[in-house]
Protein backbone atom coordinates (compact mmCIF):
# COMPACT_ATOMS: atom_id res chain seq x y z
CA MET A 1 11.41 72.57 -31.52
CA ARG A 2 8.98 72.60 -28.63
CA ALA A 3 7.75 69.26 -27.34
CA ILE A 4 5.48 68.29 -24.48
CA VAL A 5 7.16 65.50 -22.51
CA ILE A 6 5.86 63.33 -19.66
CA HIS A 7 8.67 62.11 -17.43
CA GLY A 8 6.48 60.33 -14.91
CA LYS A 9 3.53 60.81 -12.60
CA GLN A 10 2.55 64.51 -12.40
CA ASP A 11 5.74 65.43 -14.26
CA LEU A 12 4.93 67.18 -17.53
CA ARG A 13 7.38 69.59 -19.15
CA VAL A 14 7.62 71.73 -22.27
CA GLU A 15 11.11 71.13 -23.65
CA GLU A 16 13.29 72.16 -26.56
CA GLN A 17 14.35 69.26 -28.75
CA PRO A 18 16.21 69.03 -32.07
CA ILE A 19 14.08 69.13 -35.20
CA PRO A 20 14.05 65.51 -36.43
CA GLU A 21 15.31 64.58 -39.88
CA PRO A 22 13.31 62.07 -41.96
CA ALA A 23 14.88 58.68 -42.52
CA ALA A 24 14.13 56.55 -45.57
CA GLY A 25 10.38 56.00 -45.85
CA GLN A 26 9.46 58.94 -43.63
CA LEU A 27 8.22 62.48 -44.05
CA ARG A 28 8.10 65.36 -41.60
CA LEU A 29 4.97 67.16 -40.51
CA ARG A 30 4.61 70.49 -38.77
CA ILE A 31 1.96 70.02 -36.11
CA ALA A 32 -0.78 72.59 -35.64
CA TYR A 33 -3.00 70.89 -33.04
CA GLY A 34 -2.83 67.95 -30.67
CA GLY A 35 -5.90 66.76 -28.82
CA VAL A 36 -5.61 65.66 -25.19
CA CYS A 37 -6.91 62.09 -24.93
CA GLY A 38 -7.84 60.04 -21.87
CA SER A 39 -4.71 57.93 -22.24
CA ASP A 40 -2.58 61.11 -22.27
CA LEU A 41 -4.25 62.17 -19.02
CA HIS A 42 -3.53 58.79 -17.40
CA TYR A 43 0.14 58.94 -18.41
CA TRP A 44 0.42 62.40 -16.85
CA ALA A 45 -1.77 62.02 -13.76
CA GLU A 46 -0.80 58.46 -12.82
CA GLY A 47 2.42 57.79 -14.70
CA ALA A 48 0.72 54.88 -16.43
CA ASN A 49 -2.20 54.02 -18.69
CA GLY A 50 -3.46 50.72 -17.32
CA GLU A 51 -0.55 48.28 -17.42
CA TYR A 52 1.60 50.59 -19.58
CA VAL A 53 3.97 52.53 -17.34
CA VAL A 54 6.01 55.58 -18.38
CA ARG A 55 9.57 54.25 -18.01
CA GLU A 56 11.31 56.86 -20.16
CA PRO A 57 10.43 60.39 -21.33
CA LEU A 58 7.27 60.18 -23.44
CA VAL A 59 5.84 62.71 -25.88
CA PRO A 60 2.09 62.04 -25.70
CA GLY A 61 -0.53 62.67 -28.36
CA HIS A 62 -2.15 60.75 -31.20
CA GLU A 63 -4.92 63.18 -32.17
CA VAL A 64 -3.04 65.55 -34.45
CA SER A 65 -3.38 67.79 -37.47
CA GLY A 66 -0.84 69.90 -39.30
CA THR A 67 0.89 70.40 -42.61
CA VAL A 68 3.60 68.65 -44.56
CA ASP A 69 6.97 70.24 -43.79
CA LEU A 70 9.32 67.96 -45.74
CA ASP A 71 8.63 64.98 -47.98
CA PRO A 72 11.92 63.65 -49.32
CA ALA A 73 9.97 61.57 -51.87
CA GLY A 74 8.46 64.73 -53.29
CA GLU A 75 4.92 63.34 -53.35
CA LEU A 76 3.35 65.86 -50.95
CA ALA A 77 4.13 69.55 -51.28
CA PRO A 78 5.13 71.60 -48.24
CA GLY A 79 2.06 73.13 -46.65
CA THR A 80 -0.31 70.30 -47.61
CA PRO A 81 -2.86 70.04 -44.76
CA VAL A 82 -3.09 66.60 -43.18
CA THR A 83 -4.10 64.49 -40.24
CA VAL A 84 -2.53 61.20 -39.18
CA HIS A 85 -3.62 57.61 -38.65
CA PRO A 86 -1.56 56.95 -35.51
CA ALA A 87 -1.25 53.17 -35.80
CA THR A 88 1.54 51.01 -37.11
CA PHE A 89 -0.05 47.60 -37.60
CA GLY A 90 1.57 44.38 -36.43
CA THR A 91 1.54 40.78 -37.68
CA PRO A 92 -1.64 39.17 -39.04
CA GLU A 93 -3.14 36.24 -37.17
CA PRO A 94 -5.63 33.62 -38.37
CA GLY A 95 -9.21 34.70 -37.84
CA ILE A 96 -8.47 38.43 -37.61
CA GLU A 97 -6.85 39.04 -40.98
CA ASP A 98 -9.39 41.79 -41.70
CA ARG A 99 -8.91 43.56 -38.35
CA ARG A 100 -5.46 45.10 -38.49
CA HIS A 101 -5.94 47.08 -35.28
CA LEU A 102 -6.02 43.76 -33.34
CA TRP A 103 -2.84 42.33 -34.83
CA PRO A 104 -0.12 41.78 -32.21
CA GLY A 105 3.12 43.70 -32.43
CA GLY A 106 1.67 47.01 -33.56
CA ALA A 107 2.39 50.47 -32.19
CA TYR A 108 0.47 53.69 -31.60
CA LEU A 109 1.69 57.25 -31.40
CA GLY A 110 2.21 58.49 -27.84
CA SER A 111 2.18 55.06 -26.21
CA ALA A 112 4.23 53.51 -23.42
CA ALA A 113 3.11 50.05 -24.53
CA THR A 114 6.38 49.64 -26.46
CA ARG A 115 10.01 49.85 -25.38
CA PRO A 116 11.40 52.17 -26.41
CA HIS A 117 8.15 54.10 -26.14
CA THR A 118 6.41 55.20 -29.32
CA GLN A 119 6.70 58.98 -29.21
CA GLY A 120 3.57 60.97 -29.97
CA GLY A 121 2.57 64.07 -31.82
CA MET A 122 2.53 66.82 -29.19
CA SER A 123 5.58 68.51 -30.65
CA GLU A 124 6.17 71.09 -33.34
CA TYR A 125 7.45 68.48 -35.79
CA LEU A 126 6.61 64.79 -36.21
CA LEU A 127 8.09 62.06 -38.39
CA VAL A 128 5.59 59.58 -39.85
CA ARG A 129 5.37 57.00 -42.60
CA PRO A 130 3.58 58.15 -45.77
CA ASP A 131 0.82 55.56 -45.33
CA MET A 132 -0.12 57.15 -41.99
CA VAL A 133 -0.86 60.52 -43.62
CA ARG A 134 -4.35 61.57 -44.67
CA VAL A 135 -4.59 64.68 -46.86
CA LEU A 136 -7.51 66.89 -45.83
CA PRO A 137 -10.25 67.86 -48.25
CA GLU A 138 -10.64 71.48 -49.24
CA GLY A 139 -12.52 73.46 -46.61
CA LEU A 140 -11.73 71.24 -43.60
CA PRO A 141 -9.76 73.41 -41.15
CA LEU A 142 -6.88 71.98 -39.17
CA ARG A 143 -8.61 72.73 -35.88
CA ARG A 144 -11.59 70.53 -36.73
CA ALA A 145 -9.37 67.91 -38.37
CA ALA A 146 -7.73 67.26 -35.00
CA LEU A 147 -10.95 65.41 -34.13
CA ALA A 148 -10.41 62.79 -36.85
CA GLU A 149 -8.74 60.20 -34.62
CA PRO A 150 -11.24 60.28 -31.71
CA LEU A 151 -14.14 60.40 -34.17
CA ALA A 152 -12.69 57.29 -35.83
CA VAL A 153 -12.67 55.56 -32.43
CA ALA A 154 -16.35 56.44 -32.01
CA LEU A 155 -17.20 55.30 -35.53
CA HIS A 156 -15.46 51.98 -34.95
CA GLY A 157 -17.71 51.44 -31.93
CA LEU A 158 -20.67 51.97 -34.23
CA THR A 159 -19.16 49.57 -36.76
CA VAL A 160 -18.86 46.93 -34.04
CA ALA A 161 -22.53 47.54 -33.15
CA GLY A 162 -23.68 47.01 -36.73
CA ASP A 163 -26.08 49.07 -38.82
CA VAL A 164 -27.70 51.75 -36.63
CA ALA A 165 -29.85 53.30 -39.36
CA GLY A 166 -33.43 53.62 -38.13
CA ARG A 167 -32.56 52.34 -34.66
CA ARG A 168 -32.74 53.77 -31.14
CA VAL A 169 -29.24 54.40 -29.79
CA LEU A 170 -28.18 55.18 -26.23
CA VAL A 171 -24.77 56.77 -25.66
CA SER A 172 -23.64 56.24 -22.07
CA GLY A 173 -21.25 59.04 -21.10
CA SER A 174 -20.97 62.38 -22.89
CA GLY A 175 -17.25 63.01 -22.71
CA PRO A 176 -15.44 63.65 -26.01
CA ILE A 177 -15.75 60.06 -27.26
CA GLY A 178 -19.40 59.86 -26.22
CA LEU A 179 -20.17 63.15 -27.96
CA LEU A 180 -18.46 61.97 -31.13
CA ALA A 181 -20.26 58.63 -30.91
CA ALA A 182 -23.56 60.51 -30.75
CA ALA A 183 -22.56 62.61 -33.76
CA GLY A 184 -21.56 59.46 -35.63
CA ALA A 185 -24.84 57.72 -34.82
CA LEU A 186 -26.78 60.72 -36.09
CA ALA A 187 -24.71 60.80 -39.27
CA ARG A 188 -25.25 57.08 -39.83
CA GLY A 189 -29.02 57.53 -39.71
CA ALA A 190 -30.07 56.50 -36.20
CA ALA A 191 -33.76 57.18 -35.64
CA GLU A 192 -33.16 58.38 -32.08
CA VAL A 193 -30.00 59.15 -30.13
CA VAL A 194 -30.12 59.69 -26.37
CA ALA A 195 -27.03 60.70 -24.36
CA THR A 196 -26.38 60.28 -20.65
CA ASP A 197 -23.95 61.75 -18.15
CA VAL A 198 -23.74 62.58 -14.46
CA LEU A 199 -22.92 66.22 -15.23
CA GLU A 200 -24.96 68.92 -16.94
CA GLY A 201 -22.08 70.45 -18.93
CA PRO A 202 -21.51 67.38 -21.12
CA LEU A 203 -25.24 67.01 -21.66
CA GLU A 204 -25.45 70.59 -22.87
CA ARG A 205 -22.76 69.80 -25.42
CA ALA A 206 -24.67 66.68 -26.48
CA ARG A 207 -27.83 68.69 -27.05
CA ALA A 208 -25.86 71.18 -29.13
CA LEU A 209 -24.88 68.30 -31.42
CA GLY A 210 -28.55 67.52 -32.04
CA VAL A 211 -29.27 64.44 -29.93
CA HIS A 212 -32.95 63.70 -29.43
CA GLY A 213 -32.76 63.49 -25.66
CA THR A 214 -30.49 63.49 -22.63
CA VAL A 215 -30.59 61.73 -19.28
CA ARG A 216 -28.73 63.04 -16.27
CA ILE A 217 -27.74 60.00 -14.22
CA GLY A 218 -28.75 60.38 -10.61
CA ALA A 219 -31.44 62.95 -11.39
CA ASP A 220 -33.43 61.50 -14.32
CA ARG A 221 -34.74 58.01 -14.91
CA LEU A 222 -32.98 55.95 -17.55
CA PRO A 223 -35.69 54.00 -19.38
CA ALA A 224 -35.41 50.22 -19.20
CA GLU A 225 -35.44 47.96 -22.27
CA ALA A 226 -35.73 50.96 -24.60
CA PHE A 227 -32.73 50.91 -26.94
CA ASP A 228 -31.66 48.77 -29.88
CA VAL A 229 -28.01 49.73 -29.50
CA VAL A 230 -26.13 50.94 -26.41
CA LEU A 231 -22.66 52.48 -26.69
CA GLU A 232 -21.00 52.60 -23.27
CA CYS A 233 -18.45 55.40 -23.67
CA SER A 234 -17.78 56.50 -20.10
CA GLY A 235 -15.37 53.71 -19.21
CA VAL A 236 -16.83 53.76 -15.70
CA PRO A 237 -17.45 50.16 -14.56
CA ALA A 238 -20.55 51.23 -12.60
CA ALA A 239 -22.14 52.33 -15.89
CA VAL A 240 -22.09 48.84 -17.43
CA SER A 241 -25.01 47.41 -15.44
CA PRO A 242 -27.33 50.36 -16.27
CA ALA A 243 -26.32 50.02 -19.93
CA LEU A 244 -27.41 46.39 -19.93
CA ALA A 245 -30.68 47.31 -18.21
CA ALA A 246 -31.44 50.03 -20.79
CA ALA A 247 -31.02 47.66 -23.74
CA ARG A 248 -34.10 46.04 -25.21
CA ARG A 249 -34.34 42.28 -25.68
CA GLY A 250 -31.87 41.04 -28.27
CA ALA A 251 -30.01 44.36 -28.38
CA VAL A 252 -26.30 45.03 -28.87
CA VAL A 253 -24.22 46.71 -26.15
CA VAL A 254 -20.74 47.91 -27.13
CA GLN A 255 -18.09 48.81 -24.55
CA VAL A 256 -16.27 51.71 -26.21
CA GLY A 257 -14.82 53.45 -23.15
CA MET A 258 -11.64 51.86 -21.75
CA VAL A 259 -12.36 50.29 -18.36
CA PRO A 260 -9.80 49.55 -15.62
CA ASN A 261 -7.88 46.28 -15.96
CA GLU A 262 -9.31 44.83 -12.76
CA ALA A 263 -12.31 42.87 -11.51
CA ARG A 264 -15.41 44.97 -10.86
CA PRO A 265 -18.99 43.80 -10.07
CA VAL A 266 -21.42 43.83 -13.00
CA ASN A 267 -25.00 42.52 -13.06
CA LEU A 268 -24.99 40.09 -15.98
CA ALA A 269 -28.51 38.76 -15.42
CA PRO A 270 -29.98 41.01 -18.17
CA LEU A 271 -27.33 39.71 -20.57
CA VAL A 272 -28.84 36.26 -20.23
CA SER A 273 -32.54 37.00 -19.79
CA LYS A 274 -32.64 39.45 -22.72
CA GLU A 275 -30.11 37.54 -24.85
CA LEU A 276 -27.99 40.65 -25.26
CA GLN A 277 -24.78 40.82 -27.25
CA LEU A 278 -22.00 42.50 -25.27
CA ARG A 279 -19.12 43.49 -27.54
CA GLY A 280 -15.80 45.24 -27.07
CA SER A 281 -14.41 47.98 -29.29
CA PHE A 282 -10.70 48.80 -29.52
CA ARG A 283 -9.29 51.81 -31.39
CA PHE A 284 -10.13 51.49 -35.11
CA ASP A 285 -9.00 50.16 -38.47
CA ASP A 286 -9.74 52.51 -41.37
CA GLU A 287 -12.67 54.54 -39.97
CA ILE A 288 -10.47 57.63 -39.92
CA ASP A 289 -11.28 58.10 -43.62
CA GLU A 290 -15.01 58.24 -42.87
CA ALA A 291 -14.25 60.53 -39.92
CA ILE A 292 -12.53 63.03 -42.22
CA GLU A 293 -15.52 62.99 -44.57
CA LEU A 294 -17.95 63.59 -41.71
CA LEU A 295 -15.88 66.42 -40.28
CA ALA A 296 -15.85 68.10 -43.68
CA ALA A 297 -19.60 67.64 -44.17
CA HIS A 298 -20.73 68.52 -40.62
CA PRO A 299 -18.96 71.64 -39.29
CA GLY A 300 -21.05 71.53 -36.12
CA ILE A 301 -19.05 68.57 -34.83
CA GLU A 302 -16.31 71.08 -34.02
CA GLY A 303 -18.50 72.13 -31.11
CA VAL A 304 -17.02 69.17 -29.22
CA VAL A 305 -13.89 71.34 -28.87
CA THR A 306 -14.21 73.58 -25.82
CA HIS A 307 -10.61 74.70 -25.23
CA GLU A 308 -7.65 75.65 -27.39
CA ILE A 309 -4.55 76.29 -25.28
CA PRO A 310 -1.01 77.14 -26.47
CA ALA A 311 1.68 74.50 -26.03
CA GLU A 312 3.55 76.76 -23.61
CA ARG A 313 0.61 76.26 -21.22
CA ALA A 314 0.45 72.49 -21.66
CA LEU A 315 -0.06 71.83 -17.96
CA GLU A 316 -3.10 74.12 -18.05
CA ALA A 317 -4.43 72.19 -21.05
CA PHE A 318 -4.08 68.83 -19.31
CA SER A 319 -5.67 70.20 -16.15
CA ALA A 320 -8.58 71.58 -18.18
CA ALA A 321 -9.09 68.21 -19.87
CA ARG A 322 -9.48 66.55 -16.45
CA ASP A 323 -12.42 68.84 -15.62
CA SER A 324 -15.17 67.03 -17.52
CA ALA A 325 -17.84 69.40 -16.22
CA ALA A 326 -16.25 72.34 -18.03
CA SER A 327 -14.40 70.74 -20.92
CA GLY A 328 -15.12 68.61 -23.94
CA LYS A 329 -12.15 68.12 -26.22
CA VAL A 330 -9.10 70.19 -25.27
CA LEU A 331 -6.65 71.05 -28.05
CA VAL A 332 -3.03 72.04 -27.58
CA SER A 333 -2.01 74.58 -30.22
CA PHE A 334 1.50 74.87 -31.62
CA GLY A 335 0.81 78.28 -33.16
CA GLN A 336 0.93 77.33 -36.84
CA GLN A 337 -1.14 79.38 -39.24
CA THR A 338 -4.23 77.34 -40.07
CA ARG A 339 -6.82 77.54 -42.78
């Protein structure tokens, strides 16, 4: 089978590997699409994602869709269309029993956080546990279903923020996660959703999703004290201070985008004077089920996808994903027939 493998910094290869055989408690999927995530880009471009260094060949990818190829238990028929919850949860701890994604000792597809590394889904076949599989509803195509995992990340940020129905929401950064956060806020009934970015291309994609307004950072003025909820999705440390300034008094600001693991200057004065709540958001728990429902009900969300590139041209796909002016979500296709 074909697999995309990162061997280190700037070393990405398309390789032939044996088709894996399911062990007890596993089933085999045939992958149709794998989305290129920011962590995948870091592993390729830098050889590391934060503190997690590629120390052995790593198949990236945790945003996948495909069909069941072999279920030894006989519960899912071959050809059943699915997506995957990429997490294996760890050990519960007091105080976070209801937040499985924070339990220590877990794993995530396509991650160098574990040794041996947890191999990801950018290969023709993937072995997973049955509880990781989500069967797709009728009418949801595999191409759109590849957005389930990143949409779940965005929805979890909204969950951390609280109820956004009837509220003014600012989405800072209109990359793929920001775009999906905007779509999620609209679906959850926000009264107004405004998206920001430094580039016009992402803002065009945000407008196509139906946001109420856009602000181009550096060219337009970002209104101060205007928003009930701010979702900082860019992961750029310099964007945190403007996010705090844009929040109204008593508002909630959620850091959704992953920021560098290092000290950076942030103006915290508004946090105090406006009694803001600054919250972090990490991956997700079970929001992938809501994400699947939204993707089925709102076909327009598929507009977040700007590129579909065959696996043989994986390097081109990763390069395209780095160009945020021209690309939203980039999908790697493994050539399977999709409905």
